[in-house]
Amino acid sequence: MPKIIVSVWIYFCGLIGAVVTGGLVSQVLSAFPPNQVEAYGPIVPAVARTWATWLPNAPAILWLSAAVSATAGLYLWRSRRPLETRLFSAAVIAALNLFLAMFFTTALLVAYFYLPKVANGA
């Protein structure tokens, strides 16, 4: 019984993490203009410029991931597979969601704030 509770809790944490991170990234991107990477000086690293171009798609990717994970969760709930398989699948889905949330948060911080500041010695 504790394995079931922990697995379901981890699964819901992964879903909540993806949705909350999508909202957080969209709010930060709406608060700071796209030329934020140039705010610290004339030198803009190529990584920061590249990541800043695809980062506005991060909320949609995170919300799509959460929707697909919710659909997969419903499938796992209704599935007739063994309990251990379903619990492992739920943990893998949660790990993927949490990894995406962590990656996009780190990409936002690095591309918009850290790399341009370090490149210009500010």
Protein backbone atom coordinates (compact mmCIF):
# COMPACT_ATOMS: atom_id res chain seq x y z
CA MET A 1 0.00 0.00 0.00
CA PRO A 2 2.76 2.56 0.75
CA LYS A 3 4.29 1.94 -2.70
CA ILE A 4 0.97 2.86 -4.31
CA ILE A 5 0.65 6.06 -2.30
CA VAL A 6 4.23 7.13 -3.01
CA SER A 7 3.94 6.33 -6.72
CA VAL A 8 0.69 8.25 -7.12
CA TRP A 9 2.10 11.16 -5.12
CA ILE A 10 5.22 11.30 -7.30
CA TYR A 11 3.06 11.11 -10.43
CA PHE A 12 0.89 14.05 -9.31
CA CYS A 13 3.99 16.03 -8.32
CA GLY A 14 5.32 15.54 -11.85
CA LEU A 15 2.06 16.80 -13.36
CA ILE A 16 1.85 19.77 -11.02
CA GLY A 17 5.53 20.56 -11.62
CA ALA A 18 5.06 20.65 -15.39
CA VAL A 19 1.97 22.87 -15.22
CA VAL A 20 3.40 25.28 -12.63
CA THR A 21 6.71 25.57 -14.47
CA GLY A 22 4.86 26.29 -17.72
CA GLY A 23 3.03 29.12 -15.99
CA LEU A 24 6.20 30.41 -14.35
CA VAL A 25 8.16 30.46 -17.60
CA SER A 26 5.34 32.23 -19.44
CA GLN A 27 5.09 34.89 -16.71
CA VAL A 28 8.82 35.53 -16.70
CA LEU A 29 8.89 35.72 -20.50
CA SER A 30 6.01 38.19 -20.50
CA ALA A 31 7.71 40.33 -17.82
CA PHE A 32 11.03 40.54 -19.65
CA PRO A 33 11.27 41.59 -23.32
CA PRO A 34 12.95 39.34 -25.90
CA ASN A 35 15.94 41.66 -26.03
CA GLN A 36 16.66 40.95 -22.34
CA VAL A 37 19.74 38.99 -23.41
CA GLU A 38 21.23 42.26 -24.74
CA ALA A 39 20.51 44.24 -21.55
CA TYR A 40 23.85 43.48 -19.90
CA GLY A 41 26.08 44.67 -22.72
CA PRO A 42 27.04 44.23 -26.36
CA ILE A 43 28.34 40.66 -26.06
CA VAL A 44 25.61 38.03 -26.26
CA PRO A 45 26.69 34.37 -26.24
CA ALA A 46 25.39 32.25 -29.09
CA VAL A 47 23.89 29.76 -26.64
CA ALA A 48 21.87 32.50 -24.95
CA ARG A 49 20.65 33.87 -28.27
CA THR A 50 19.69 30.40 -29.55
CA TRP A 51 17.92 29.38 -26.36
CA ALA A 52 16.11 32.72 -26.19
CA THR A 53 14.60 32.05 -29.63
CA TRP A 54 13.01 28.71 -28.73
CA LEU A 55 12.27 29.43 -25.07
CA PRO A 56 8.87 31.06 -25.78
CA ASN A 57 7.71 27.57 -26.86
CA ALA A 58 8.55 26.09 -23.44
CA PRO A 59 5.12 26.70 -21.81
CA ALA A 60 3.33 24.97 -24.67
CA ILE A 61 5.74 22.03 -24.52
CA LEU A 62 5.30 21.71 -20.75
CA TRP A 63 1.51 21.92 -20.90
CA LEU A 64 1.41 19.41 -23.76
CA SER A 65 3.63 17.11 -21.73
CA ALA A 66 1.27 17.43 -18.76
CA ALA A 67 -1.76 16.69 -20.96
CA VAL A 68 -0.12 13.62 -22.49
CA SER A 69 0.94 12.47 -19.03
CA ALA A 70 -2.59 12.86 -17.70
CA THR A 71 -3.89 10.80 -20.62
CA ALA A 72 -1.24 8.15 -20.00
CA GLY A 73 -2.16 8.19 -16.31
CA LEU A 74 -5.79 7.49 -17.15
CA TYR A 75 -4.67 4.64 -19.38
CA LEU A 76 -2.47 3.22 -16.61
CA TRP A 77 -5.32 3.49 -14.13
CA ARG A 78 -7.65 1.53 -16.40
CA SER A 79 -4.99 -0.92 -17.58
CA ARG A 80 -5.02 -4.58 -16.62
CA ARG A 81 -1.24 -4.83 -16.41
CA PRO A 82 0.42 -5.91 -13.15
CA LEU A 83 0.52 -3.32 -10.39
CA GLU A 84 4.33 -3.14 -10.36
CA THR A 85 4.40 -2.27 -14.06
CA ARG A 86 1.84 0.48 -13.63
CA LEU A 87 3.66 1.96 -10.65
CA PHE A 88 6.97 1.96 -12.52
CA SER A 89 5.33 3.57 -15.56
CA ALA A 90 3.84 6.30 -13.38
CA ALA A 91 7.25 6.97 -11.85
CA VAL A 92 8.88 7.20 -15.30
CA ILE A 93 6.19 9.63 -16.49
CA ALA A 94 6.73 11.76 -13.39
CA ALA A 95 10.48 11.72 -13.90
CA LEU A 96 10.11 12.92 -17.49
CA ASN A 97 7.80 15.74 -16.43
CA LEU A 98 10.09 16.82 -13.63
CA PHE A 99 13.11 16.67 -15.93
CA LEU A 100 11.38 18.88 -18.52
CA ALA A 101 10.36 21.34 -15.80
CA MET A 102 13.90 21.49 -14.44
CA PHE A 103 15.43 21.81 -17.92
CA PHE A 104 13.21 24.69 -19.03
CA THR A 105 13.63 26.55 -15.74
CA THR A 106 17.40 26.22 -15.96
CA ALA A 107 17.37 27.20 -19.63
CA LEU A 108 15.39 30.33 -18.79
CA LEU A 109 17.75 31.37 -16.02
CA VAL A 110 20.88 30.62 -18.01
CA ALA A 111 19.80 32.11 -21.34
CA TYR A 112 18.10 35.24 -20.09
CA PHE A 113 20.16 36.18 -17.07
CA TYR A 114 23.33 34.23 -16.29
CA LEU A 115 25.20 33.87 -19.63
CA PRO A 116 24.72 37.47 -20.83
CA LYS A 117 25.82 38.80 -17.45
CA VAL A 118 28.92 36.59 -17.31
CA ALA A 119 29.86 37.33 -20.94
CA ASN A 120 29.89 41.06 -20.29
CA GLY A 121 31.61 40.83 -16.93
CA ALA A 122 28.76 42.55 -15.12
